[in-house]
Amino acid sequence: MTGATGGFGRLIVFRLAGAGWDVIAGARDTGKARDLLAEAAARGLAVRTVELDVAREDSCRRAVEECAELTGGPWALVNNAGIPQAGAVADVADEQARRLLEVNLLGPARLCRLVLPVMAARGGGRIVNISSGLGRVPWPMGAWYSAGKHALSALTHCLRVEAAHLGVRVSLVEPGAFATPMLGRALADLDTVRDPANPGYTATTKLFTAVDRRVPGPEPVARTVEKCLTARRPRPRYVVGRDARLLIPLHTVLPLALSDRVKHMVTGLPHTPAPPAPPAPPAPRTDEQQAQQAQQAQQPKEPA
């Protein structure tokens, strides 16, 4: 289980451990890993952790090897780790975009690659990739998050076909907005890359803040992940949350021109170009320039 120390991950760990699963929680931060273990013990749950930074190949490899030593090889992988990186496309630097893609896309991909041989040797297994409703509803001021989750969705659907003959069933979970630290991190991202001249930042900050106050708890996502692991024939895709179940079909059927207008309204981004600035008045002529102009006017013109 990646991204196990907060948000969806923490709740999923406790739910699965409470149902009797042998949960190996991947954690990049050792302090948060200790907190997770302490809370699990207080709940009477048995949970183990491995150090895991999904953005580093060596860390992913060591974590899978350690899981194999602890369990004989993982039967299931839940790719939950993710970061938001909000901000306009024009303001997000390459380094920030690469970090998002390493965590949200390449990390899950390399872990799938590493566990597939182990699962095949066991005769089967399950992979659950947690994407987002925004992977199918691209949202301005969060383009890189939508792009990464859209790519994860495509990768998951391809992997489902490629891994079927190994006995590995692959599912995609697409949550809407739930009460996790993700929106708070997105707000911090906006402050980091904010362009004061872009009105989208003000409106998007208000939107994220309002959504963060109203969203439900993440329990439905934890229940859905458990379904992916326990169902005899898990579905290829699970959409979780009222907002995601509404927005995804709506975005599919709306003409793009209308969809764009709605996004302009919600984000506060202007729909039409700003009027051109009036031309600057000519600079006043100096006495020398005026004298030269008078002298030129007095000179006789040559006949054509």
C-alpha atoms as a PDB file:
ATOM      1  CA  MET A   1       0.000   0.000   0.000  1.00  0.00           C
ATOM      2  CA  THR A   2       1.581   3.286  -1.096  1.00  0.00           C
ATOM      3  CA  GLY A   3       0.806   6.701   0.369  1.00  0.00           C
ATOM      4  CA  ALA A   4      -0.259   4.892   3.525  1.00  0.00           C
ATOM      5  CA  THR A   5       0.382   7.514   6.196  1.00  0.00           C
ATOM      6  CA  GLY A   6      -2.323  10.069   5.327  1.00  0.00           C
ATOM      7  CA  GLY A   7      -5.489  10.809   3.398  1.00  0.00           C
ATOM      8  CA  PHE A   8      -7.130   7.819   1.722  1.00  0.00           C
ATOM      9  CA  GLY A   9      -4.147   5.606   2.485  1.00  0.00           C
ATOM     10  CA  ARG A  10      -4.326   5.757   6.267  1.00  0.00           C
ATOM     11  CA  LEU A  11      -8.017   4.920   6.290  1.00  0.00           C
ATOM     12  CA  ILE A  12      -7.559   2.094   3.771  1.00  0.00           C
ATOM     13  CA  VAL A  13      -4.756   0.589   5.869  1.00  0.00           C
ATOM     14  CA  PHE A  14      -6.925   0.500   8.994  1.00  0.00           C
ATOM     15  CA  ARG A  15      -9.950  -0.853   7.140  1.00  0.00           C
ATOM     16  CA  LEU A  16      -8.030  -3.680   5.490  1.00  0.00           C
ATOM     17  CA  ALA A  17      -6.107  -4.536   8.653  1.00  0.00           C
ATOM     18  CA  GLY A  18      -9.403  -4.606  10.569  1.00  0.00           C
ATOM     19  CA  ALA A  19     -10.772  -7.061   8.002  1.00  0.00           C
ATOM     20  CA  GLY A  20      -7.850  -9.410   8.590  1.00  0.00           C
ATOM     21  CA  TRP A  21      -5.542  -8.461   5.717  1.00  0.00           C
ATOM     22  CA  ASP A  22      -1.783  -8.580   6.215  1.00  0.00           C
ATOM     23  CA  VAL A  23      -1.088  -4.945   5.353  1.00  0.00           C
ATOM     24  CA  ILE A  24       2.386  -3.692   4.455  1.00  0.00           C
ATOM     25  CA  ALA A  25       2.215   0.108   4.492  1.00  0.00           C
ATOM     26  CA  GLY A  26       4.700   2.010   2.352  1.00  0.00           C
ATOM     27  CA  ALA A  27       5.865   5.267   3.960  1.00  0.00           C
ATOM     28  CA  ARG A  28       8.437   7.834   2.824  1.00  0.00           C
ATOM     29  CA  ASP A  29       8.507   9.634   6.185  1.00  0.00           C
ATOM     30  CA  THR A  30       9.739   7.425   9.042  1.00  0.00           C
ATOM     31  CA  GLY A  31       8.132   9.694  11.642  1.00  0.00           C
ATOM     32  CA  LYS A  32       4.729   9.330  10.003  1.00  0.00           C
ATOM     33  CA  ALA A  33       5.320   5.589   9.760  1.00  0.00           C
ATOM     34  CA  ARG A  34       5.822   5.432  13.544  1.00  0.00           C
ATOM     35  CA  ASP A  35       2.628   7.433  14.078  1.00  0.00           C
ATOM     36  CA  LEU A  36       0.739   5.014  11.806  1.00  0.00           C
ATOM     37  CA  LEU A  37       2.025   1.998  13.715  1.00  0.00           C
ATOM     38  CA  ALA A  38       1.158   3.613  17.059  1.00  0.00           C
ATOM     39  CA  GLU A  39      -2.406   4.357  15.958  1.00  0.00           C
ATOM     40  CA  ALA A  40      -2.790   0.857  14.537  1.00  0.00           C
ATOM     41  CA  ALA A  41      -1.629  -0.635  17.831  1.00  0.00           C
ATOM     42  CA  ALA A  42      -4.074   1.592  19.735  1.00  0.00           C
ATOM     43  CA  ARG A  43      -6.849   0.203  17.528  1.00  0.00           C
ATOM     44  CA  GLY A  44      -5.661  -3.354  18.144  1.00  0.00           C
ATOM     45  CA  LEU A  45      -4.571  -3.804  14.527  1.00  0.00           C
ATOM     46  CA  ALA A  46      -1.490  -5.519  13.157  1.00  0.00           C
ATOM     47  CA  VAL A  47       0.227  -3.379  10.520  1.00  0.00           C
ATOM     48  CA  ARG A  48       3.787  -3.464   9.211  1.00  0.00           C
ATOM     49  CA  THR A  49       5.640  -0.745   7.324  1.00  0.00           C
ATOM     50  CA  VAL A  50       8.418  -0.503   4.761  1.00  0.00           C
ATOM     51  CA  GLU A  51      10.304   2.621   3.760  1.00  0.00           C
ATOM     52  CA  LEU A  52       9.111   3.662   0.301  1.00  0.00           C
ATOM     53  CA  ASP A  53       9.576   6.726  -1.874  1.00  0.00           C
ATOM     54  CA  VAL A  54       7.600   5.980  -5.039  1.00  0.00           C
ATOM     55  CA  ALA A  55       9.536   8.663  -6.943  1.00  0.00           C
ATOM     56  CA  ARG A  56      12.793   6.663  -6.612  1.00  0.00           C
ATOM     57  CA  GLU A  57      13.356   3.414  -8.459  1.00  0.00           C
ATOM     58  CA  ASP A  58      15.866   2.067  -5.923  1.00  0.00           C
ATOM     59  CA  SER A  59      13.419   2.702  -3.079  1.00  0.00           C
ATOM     60  CA  CYS A  60      10.594   0.948  -4.945  1.00  0.00           C
ATOM     61  CA  ARG A  61      12.801  -2.058  -5.656  1.00  0.00           C
ATOM     62  CA  ARG A  62      13.946  -2.369  -2.036  1.00  0.00           C
ATOM     63  CA  ALA A  63      10.375  -2.031  -0.745  1.00  0.00           C
ATOM     64  CA  VAL A  64       9.089  -4.825  -3.020  1.00  0.00           C
ATOM     65  CA  GLU A  65      12.024  -7.057  -2.022  1.00  0.00           C
ATOM     66  CA  GLU A  66      11.325  -6.393   1.645  1.00  0.00           C
ATOM     67  CA  CYS A  67       7.630  -7.170   1.147  1.00  0.00           C
ATOM     68  CA  ALA A  68       8.630 -10.458  -0.464  1.00  0.00           C
ATOM     69  CA  GLU A  69      10.762 -11.303   2.566  1.00  0.00           C
ATOM     70  CA  LEU A  70       7.923 -10.434   4.952  1.00  0.00           C
ATOM     71  CA  THR A  71       5.095 -12.156   3.097  1.00  0.00           C
ATOM     72  CA  GLY A  72       6.539 -14.451   0.444  1.00  0.00           C
ATOM     73  CA  GLY A  73       5.459 -11.898  -2.157  1.00  0.00           C
ATOM     74  CA  PRO A  74       2.561  -9.439  -2.303  1.00  0.00           C
ATOM     75  CA  TRP A  75      -0.793 -10.729  -3.549  1.00  0.00           C
ATOM     76  CA  ALA A  76      -2.159  -7.186  -3.934  1.00  0.00           C
ATOM     77  CA  LEU A  77      -0.807  -3.722  -4.660  1.00  0.00           C
ATOM     78  CA  VAL A  78      -2.729  -0.522  -3.938  1.00  0.00           C
ATOM     79  CA  ASN A  79      -1.161   2.508  -5.629  1.00  0.00           C
ATOM     80  CA  ASN A  80      -2.499   5.430  -3.613  1.00  0.00           C
ATOM     81  CA  ALA A  81       0.422   7.879  -3.293  1.00  0.00           C
ATOM     82  CA  GLY A  82      -0.213  11.193  -5.048  1.00  0.00           C
ATOM     83  CA  ILE A  83       0.461  14.945  -4.953  1.00  0.00           C
ATOM     84  CA  PRO A  84      -1.642  17.816  -6.398  1.00  0.00           C
ATOM     85  CA  GLN A  85       0.648  20.514  -7.890  1.00  0.00           C
ATOM     86  CA  ALA A  86      -2.031  23.119  -8.597  1.00  0.00           C
ATOM     87  CA  GLY A  87      -1.353  26.215 -10.677  1.00  0.00           C
ATOM     88  CA  ALA A  88      -1.660  27.483 -14.229  1.00  0.00           C
ATOM     89  CA  VAL A  89       0.288  25.643 -16.924  1.00  0.00           C
ATOM     90  CA  ALA A  90       2.276  28.810 -17.609  1.00  0.00           C
ATOM     91  CA  ASP A  91       3.411  29.030 -13.970  1.00  0.00           C
ATOM     92  CA  VAL A  92       4.354  25.427 -13.103  1.00  0.00           C
ATOM     93  CA  ALA A  93       8.053  24.799 -13.692  1.00  0.00           C
ATOM     94  CA  ASP A  94       9.481  21.665 -15.325  1.00  0.00           C
ATOM     95  CA  GLU A  95      10.920  20.488 -12.014  1.00  0.00           C
ATOM     96  CA  GLN A  96       7.500  20.681 -10.325  1.00  0.00           C
ATOM     97  CA  ALA A  97       5.825  18.885 -13.233  1.00  0.00           C
ATOM     98  CA  ARG A  98       8.450  16.121 -13.206  1.00  0.00           C
ATOM     99  CA  ARG A  99       7.962  15.606  -9.480  1.00  0.00           C
ATOM    100  CA  LEU A 100       4.214  15.182  -9.974  1.00  0.00           C
ATOM    101  CA  LEU A 101       4.668  12.696 -12.822  1.00  0.00           C
ATOM    102  CA  GLU A 102       7.232  10.701 -10.817  1.00  0.00           C
ATOM    103  CA  VAL A 103       4.831  10.352  -7.882  1.00  0.00           C
ATOM    104  CA  ASN A 104       1.460  10.122  -9.657  1.00  0.00           C
ATOM    105  CA  LEU A 105       2.390   8.164 -12.783  1.00  0.00           C
ATOM    106  CA  LEU A 106       5.892   6.686 -12.998  1.00  0.00           C
ATOM    107  CA  GLY A 107       5.862   5.487  -9.380  1.00  0.00           C
ATOM    108  CA  PRO A 108       2.692   3.412  -9.803  1.00  0.00           C
ATOM    109  CA  ALA A 109       3.948   2.139 -13.166  1.00  0.00           C
ATOM    110  CA  ARG A 110       7.291   0.928 -11.801  1.00  0.00           C
ATOM    111  CA  LEU A 111       5.655  -0.731  -8.793  1.00  0.00           C
ATOM    112  CA  CYS A 112       3.260  -2.574 -11.106  1.00  0.00           C
ATOM    113  CA  ARG A 113       6.250  -3.701 -13.167  1.00  0.00           C
ATOM    114  CA  LEU A 114       8.061  -4.922 -10.049  1.00  0.00           C
ATOM    115  CA  VAL A 115       5.170  -6.877  -8.505  1.00  0.00           C
ATOM    116  CA  LEU A 116       3.829  -8.535 -11.655  1.00  0.00           C
ATOM    117  CA  PRO A 117       6.447 -11.336 -11.752  1.00  0.00           C
ATOM    118  CA  VAL A 118       5.804 -12.082  -8.068  1.00  0.00           C
ATOM    119  CA  MET A 119       2.046 -12.176  -8.605  1.00  0.00           C
ATOM    120  CA  ALA A 120       2.424 -14.376 -11.675  1.00  0.00           C
ATOM    121  CA  ALA A 121       4.537 -16.820  -9.646  1.00  0.00           C
ATOM    122  CA  ARG A 122       1.798 -16.930  -7.006  1.00  0.00           C
ATOM    123  CA  GLY A 123      -0.804 -17.667  -9.674  1.00  0.00           C
ATOM    124  CA  GLY A 124      -2.570 -14.302  -9.559  1.00  0.00           C
ATOM    125  CA  GLY A 125      -3.191 -11.119  -7.657  1.00  0.00           C
ATOM    126  CA  ARG A 126      -4.860  -7.732  -7.619  1.00  0.00           C
ATOM    127  CA  ILE A 127      -3.678  -4.242  -8.528  1.00  0.00           C
ATOM    128  CA  VAL A 128      -5.714  -1.175  -7.565  1.00  0.00           C
ATOM    129  CA  ASN A 129      -4.652   2.192  -8.964  1.00  0.00           C
ATOM    130  CA  ILE A 130      -6.290   5.217  -7.349  1.00  0.00           C
ATOM    131  CA  SER A 131      -6.767   7.953  -9.909  1.00  0.00           C
ATOM    132  CA  SER A 132      -9.244  10.862  -9.671  1.00  0.00           C
ATOM    133  CA  GLY A 133     -12.406  12.152 -11.257  1.00  0.00           C
ATOM    134  CA  LEU A 134     -10.224  15.034 -12.476  1.00  0.00           C
ATOM    135  CA  GLY A 135      -8.400  12.528 -14.640  1.00  0.00           C
ATOM    136  CA  ARG A 136     -11.506  12.527 -16.829  1.00  0.00           C
ATOM    137  CA  VAL A 137     -12.618  16.108 -16.163  1.00  0.00           C
ATOM    138  CA  PRO A 138      -9.534  18.251 -16.893  1.00  0.00           C
ATOM    139  CA  TRP A 139      -9.668  21.281 -14.649  1.00  0.00           C
ATOM    140  CA  PRO A 140      -7.949  24.627 -15.306  1.00  0.00           C
ATOM    141  CA  MET A 141      -5.466  25.697 -12.617  1.00  0.00           C
ATOM    142  CA  GLY A 142      -4.841  22.008 -11.972  1.00  0.00           C
ATOM    143  CA  ALA A 143      -3.765  20.835 -15.405  1.00  0.00           C
ATOM    144  CA  TRP A 144      -0.760  18.793 -14.314  1.00  0.00           C
ATOM    145  CA  TYR A 145      -2.777  16.869 -11.724  1.00  0.00           C
ATOM    146  CA  SER A 146      -5.454  16.103 -14.326  1.00  0.00           C
ATOM    147  CA  ALA A 147      -2.785  15.131 -16.868  1.00  0.00           C
ATOM    148  CA  GLY A 148      -1.050  12.743 -14.489  1.00  0.00           C
ATOM    149  CA  LYS A 149      -4.281  11.071 -13.409  1.00  0.00           C
ATOM    150  CA  HIS A 150      -5.516  10.841 -17.014  1.00  0.00           C
ATOM    151  CA  ALA A 151      -2.277   9.083 -17.936  1.00  0.00           C
ATOM    152  CA  LEU A 152      -2.608   6.748 -14.935  1.00  0.00           C
ATOM    153  CA  SER A 153      -6.098   5.844 -16.129  1.00  0.00           C
ATOM    154  CA  ALA A 154      -4.806   4.970 -19.609  1.00  0.00           C
ATOM    155  CA  LEU A 155      -1.945   2.945 -18.155  1.00  0.00           C
ATOM    156  CA  THR A 156      -4.337   1.034 -15.886  1.00  0.00           C
ATOM    157  CA  HIS A 157      -6.688   0.094 -18.717  1.00  0.00           C
ATOM    158  CA  CYS A 158      -3.783  -1.173 -20.821  1.00  0.00           C
ATOM    159  CA  LEU A 159      -2.282  -3.095 -17.901  1.00  0.00           C
ATOM    160  CA  ARG A 160      -5.627  -4.766 -17.191  1.00  0.00           C
ATOM    161  CA  VAL A 161      -5.518  -6.405 -20.634  1.00  0.00           C
ATOM    162  CA  GLU A 162      -1.793  -7.149 -20.547  1.00  0.00           C
ATOM    163  CA  ALA A 163      -1.886  -8.822 -17.109  1.00  0.00           C
ATOM    164  CA  ALA A 164      -5.087 -10.847 -17.523  1.00  0.00           C
ATOM    165  CA  HIS A 165      -3.283 -14.007 -18.636  1.00  0.00           C
ATOM    166  CA  LEU A 166      -1.181 -13.861 -15.453  1.00  0.00           C
ATOM    167  CA  GLY A 167      -4.295 -14.078 -13.297  1.00  0.00           C
ATOM    168  CA  VAL A 168      -3.817 -10.482 -12.143  1.00  0.00           C
ATOM    169  CA  ARG A 169      -6.964  -8.364 -12.056  1.00  0.00           C
ATOM    170  CA  VAL A 170      -6.466  -4.610 -12.329  1.00  0.00           C
ATOM    171  CA  SER A 171      -8.971  -1.960 -11.215  1.00  0.00           C
ATOM    172  CA  LEU A 172      -9.080   1.823 -11.381  1.00  0.00           C
ATOM    173  CA  VAL A 173     -10.677   3.890  -8.598  1.00  0.00           C
ATOM    174  CA  GLU A 174     -11.695   7.454  -9.497  1.00  0.00           C
ATOM    175  CA  PRO A 175     -12.693   9.429  -6.399  1.00  0.00           C
ATOM    176  CA  GLY A 176     -14.236  12.865  -6.379  1.00  0.00           C
ATOM    177  CA  ALA A 177     -13.446  15.401  -3.654  1.00  0.00           C
ATOM    178  CA  PHE A 178     -13.202  13.995  -0.130  1.00  0.00           C
ATOM    179  CA  ALA A 179     -11.904  15.311   3.172  1.00  0.00           C
ATOM    180  CA  THR A 180      -8.166  14.622   2.922  1.00  0.00           C
ATOM    181  CA  PRO A 181      -5.070  16.857   3.149  1.00  0.00           C
ATOM    182  CA  MET A 182      -4.917  17.000  -0.680  1.00  0.00           C
ATOM    183  CA  LEU A 183      -6.944  20.216  -1.027  1.00  0.00           C
ATOM    184  CA  GLY A 184      -4.826  21.915   1.621  1.00  0.00           C
ATOM    185  CA  ARG A 185      -1.708  20.973  -0.328  1.00  0.00           C
ATOM    186  CA  ALA A 186      -3.278  22.286  -3.531  1.00  0.00           C
ATOM    187  CA  LEU A 187      -3.934  25.621  -1.813  1.00  0.00           C
ATOM    188  CA  ALA A 188      -0.280  25.747  -0.782  1.00  0.00           C
ATOM    189  CA  ASP A 189       0.712  25.036  -4.396  1.00  0.00           C
ATOM    190  CA  LEU A 190      -1.358  28.000  -5.576  1.00  0.00           C
ATOM    191  CA  ASP A 191       0.494  30.288  -3.174  1.00  0.00           C
ATOM    192  CA  THR A 192       3.845  28.942  -4.376  1.00  0.00           C
ATOM    193  CA  VAL A 193       3.339  29.601  -8.100  1.00  0.00           C
ATOM    194  CA  ARG A 194       0.751  32.403  -7.938  1.00  0.00           C
ATOM    195  CA  ASP A 195       0.825  35.087 -10.646  1.00  0.00           C
ATOM    196  CA  PRO A 196      -0.903  38.183  -9.182  1.00  0.00           C
ATOM    197  CA  ALA A 197      -2.003  39.222 -12.680  1.00  0.00           C
ATOM    198  CA  ASN A 198      -3.930  35.963 -13.198  1.00  0.00           C
ATOM    199  CA  PRO A 199      -7.496  36.199 -11.786  1.00  0.00           C
ATOM    200  CA  GLY A 200      -7.782  32.418 -11.832  1.00  0.00           C
ATOM    201  CA  TYR A 201      -5.734  32.150  -8.650  1.00  0.00           C
ATOM    202  CA  THR A 202      -8.152  34.183  -6.545  1.00  0.00           C
ATOM    203  CA  ALA A 203     -11.244  32.314  -7.778  1.00  0.00           C
ATOM    204  CA  THR A 204      -9.574  28.902  -7.535  1.00  0.00           C
ATOM    205  CA  THR A 205      -8.403  29.591  -3.980  1.00  0.00           C
ATOM    206  CA  LYS A 206     -11.988  30.452  -3.005  1.00  0.00           C
ATOM    207  CA  LEU A 207     -13.273  27.328  -4.794  1.00  0.00           C
ATOM    208  CA  PHE A 208     -10.787  24.958  -3.122  1.00  0.00           C
ATOM    209  CA  THR A 209     -11.476  26.519   0.287  1.00  0.00           C
ATOM    210  CA  ALA A 210     -15.252  26.193  -0.141  1.00  0.00           C
ATOM    211  CA  VAL A 211     -14.997  22.585  -1.350  1.00  0.00           C
ATOM    212  CA  ASP A 212     -12.673  21.674   1.523  1.00  0.00           C
ATOM    213  CA  ARG A 213     -15.338  22.802   4.023  1.00  0.00           C
ATOM    214  CA  ARG A 214     -18.136  20.762   2.463  1.00  0.00           C
ATOM    215  CA  VAL A 215     -16.630  17.482   1.282  1.00  0.00           C
ATOM    216  CA  PRO A 216     -17.579  14.201   2.974  1.00  0.00           C
ATOM    217  CA  GLY A 217     -15.183  11.873   4.757  1.00  0.00           C
ATOM    218  CA  PRO A 218     -13.133   9.405   2.681  1.00  0.00           C
ATOM    219  CA  GLU A 219     -14.731   6.207   3.992  1.00  0.00           C
ATOM    220  CA  PRO A 220     -16.418   5.400   0.632  1.00  0.00           C
ATOM    221  CA  VAL A 221     -13.006   5.224  -1.039  1.00  0.00           C
ATOM    222  CA  ALA A 222     -11.704   2.778   1.568  1.00  0.00           C
ATOM    223  CA  ARG A 223     -14.811   0.608   1.110  1.00  0.00           C
ATOM    224  CA  THR A 224     -14.326   0.654  -2.656  1.00  0.00           C
ATOM    225  CA  VAL A 225     -10.696  -0.456  -2.423  1.00  0.00           C
ATOM    226  CA  GLU A 226     -11.785  -3.336  -0.219  1.00  0.00           C
ATOM    227  CA  LYS A 227     -14.342  -4.303  -2.891  1.00  0.00           C
ATOM    228  CA  CYS A 228     -11.596  -4.335  -5.514  1.00  0.00           C
ATOM    229  CA  LEU A 229      -9.660  -6.833  -3.409  1.00  0.00           C
ATOM    230  CA  THR A 230     -12.525  -9.065  -2.287  1.00  0.00           C
ATOM    231  CA  ALA A 231     -14.888  -9.161  -5.269  1.00  0.00           C
ATOM    232  CA  ARG A 232     -14.726 -12.378  -7.257  1.00  0.00           C
ATOM    233  CA  ARG A 233     -14.783 -10.321 -10.426  1.00  0.00           C
ATOM    234  CA  PRO A 234     -13.823  -6.743  -9.582  1.00  0.00           C
ATOM    235  CA  ARG A 235     -15.008  -4.070 -11.970  1.00  0.00           C
ATOM    236  CA  PRO A 236     -12.431  -2.396 -14.226  1.00  0.00           C
ATOM    237  CA  ARG A 237     -13.425   1.054 -12.959  1.00  0.00           C
ATOM    238  CA  TYR A 238     -15.088   2.450  -9.850  1.00  0.00           C
ATOM    239  CA  VAL A 239     -16.262   6.075  -9.697  1.00  0.00           C
ATOM    240  CA  VAL A 240     -16.636   7.186  -6.073  1.00  0.00           C
ATOM    241  CA  GLY A 241     -18.448  10.279  -4.813  1.00  0.00           C
ATOM    242  CA  ARG A 242     -21.512  12.223  -5.922  1.00  0.00           C
ATOM    243  CA  ASP A 243     -19.490  14.984  -7.551  1.00  0.00           C
ATOM    244  CA  ALA A 244     -17.462  12.542  -9.654  1.00  0.00           C
ATOM    245  CA  ARG A 245     -20.573  10.562 -10.659  1.00  0.00           C
ATOM    246  CA  LEU A 246     -22.184  13.818 -11.802  1.00  0.00           C
ATOM    247  CA  LEU A 247     -19.260  15.651 -13.415  1.00  0.00           C
ATOM    248  CA  ILE A 248     -17.729  12.775 -15.391  1.00  0.00           C
ATOM    249  CA  PRO A 249     -20.859  11.950 -17.462  1.00  0.00           C
ATOM    250  CA  LEU A 250     -21.682  15.656 -17.771  1.00  0.00           C
ATOM    251  CA  HIS A 251     -18.237  16.462 -19.128  1.00  0.00           C
ATOM    252  CA  THR A 252     -18.573  13.572 -21.582  1.00  0.00           C
ATOM    253  CA  VAL A 253     -21.822  14.808 -23.141  1.00  0.00           C
ATOM    254  CA  LEU A 254     -21.376  18.590 -23.009  1.00  0.00           C
ATOM    255  CA  PRO A 255     -19.934  20.274 -26.111  1.00  0.00           C
ATOM    256  CA  LEU A 256     -16.426  21.495 -25.394  1.00  0.00           C
ATOM    257  CA  ALA A 257     -17.411  25.109 -26.059  1.00  0.00           C
ATOM    258  CA  LEU A 258     -20.064  24.931 -23.329  1.00  0.00           C
ATOM    259  CA  SER A 259     -17.773  23.027 -20.980  1.00  0.00           C
ATOM    260  CA  ASP A 260     -15.112  25.700 -21.468  1.00  0.00           C
ATOM    261  CA  ARG A 261     -17.592  28.466 -20.631  1.00  0.00           C
ATOM    262  CA  VAL A 262     -18.532  26.736 -17.385  1.00  0.00           C
ATOM    263  CA  LYS A 263     -14.861  26.399 -16.443  1.00  0.00           C
ATOM    264  CA  HIS A 264     -14.275  30.061 -17.256  1.00  0.00           C
ATOM    265  CA  MET A 265     -17.123  31.025 -14.939  1.00  0.00           C
ATOM    266  CA  VAL A 266     -15.995  28.830 -12.051  1.00  0.00           C
ATOM    267  CA  THR A 267     -12.279  29.657 -12.241  1.00  0.00           C
ATOM    268  CA  GLY A 268     -12.727  33.371 -12.934  1.00  0.00           C
ATOM    269  CA  LEU A 269     -10.472  33.133 -15.977  1.00  0.00           C
ATOM    270  CA  PRO A 270     -11.454  35.688 -18.678  1.00  0.00           C
ATOM    271  CA  HIS A 271     -13.190  34.245 -21.723  1.00  0.00           C
ATOM    272  CA  THR A 272     -12.270  37.052 -24.123  1.00  0.00           C
ATOM    273  CA  PRO A 273      -8.996  38.933 -24.658  1.00  0.00           C
ATOM    274  CA  ALA A 274      -8.468  42.108 -22.677  1.00  0.00           C
ATOM    275  CA  PRO A 275      -8.974  45.302 -24.753  1.00  0.00           C
ATOM    276  CA  PRO A 276      -5.722  46.663 -26.156  1.00  0.00           C
ATOM    277  CA  ALA A 277      -4.074  49.406 -24.150  1.00  0.00           C
ATOM    278  CA  PRO A 278      -4.529  52.934 -25.607  1.00  0.00           C
ATOM    279  CA  PRO A 279      -1.469  54.235 -27.464  1.00  0.00           C
ATOM    280  CA  ALA A 280       0.902  56.261 -25.352  1.00  0.00           C
ATOM    281  CA  PRO A 281       0.859  60.028 -26.049  1.00  0.00           C
ATOM    282  CA  PRO A 282       3.877  61.305 -27.980  1.00  0.00           C
ATOM    283  CA  ALA A 283       6.724  62.573 -25.865  1.00  0.00           C
ATOM    284  CA  PRO A 284       7.014  66.393 -25.796  1.00  0.00           C
ATOM    285  CA  ARG A 285       9.604  67.776 -28.230  1.00  0.00           C
ATOM    286  CA  THR A 286      12.685  69.449 -26.873  1.00  0.00           C
ATOM    287  CA  ASP A 287      13.628  73.013 -27.906  1.00  0.00           C
ATOM    288  CA  GLU A 288      16.344  71.599 -30.150  1.00  0.00           C
ATOM    289  CA  GLN A 289      13.882  69.271 -31.940  1.00  0.00           C
ATOM    290  CA  GLN A 290      11.420  72.155 -32.440  1.00  0.00           C
ATOM    291  CA  ALA A 291      14.185  74.365 -33.901  1.00  0.00           C
ATOM    292  CA  GLN A 292      15.221  71.604 -36.321  1.00  0.00           C
ATOM    293  CA  GLN A 293      11.602  71.122 -37.440  1.00  0.00           C
ATOM    294  CA  ALA A 294      11.210  74.909 -38.054  1.00  0.00           C
ATOM    295  CA  GLN A 295      14.435  75.019 -40.033  1.00  0.00           C
ATOM    296  CA  GLN A 296      13.331  72.086 -42.209  1.00  0.00           C
ATOM    297  CA  ALA A 297      10.008  73.808 -42.903  1.00  0.00           C
ATOM    298  CA  GLN A 298      11.791  77.010 -44.121  1.00  0.00           C
ATOM    299  CA  GLN A 299      14.022  75.158 -46.589  1.00  0.00           C
ATOM    300  CA  PRO A 300      12.761  75.482 -50.256  1.00  0.00           C
ATOM    301  CA  LYS A 301      11.509  72.222 -51.706  1.00  0.00           C
ATOM    302  CA  GLU A 302      13.272  70.957 -54.846  1.00  0.00           C
ATOM    303  CA  PRO A 303      11.038  70.708 -57.920  1.00  0.00           C
ATOM    304  CA  ALA A 304       9.835  67.208 -58.687  1.00  0.00           C
END
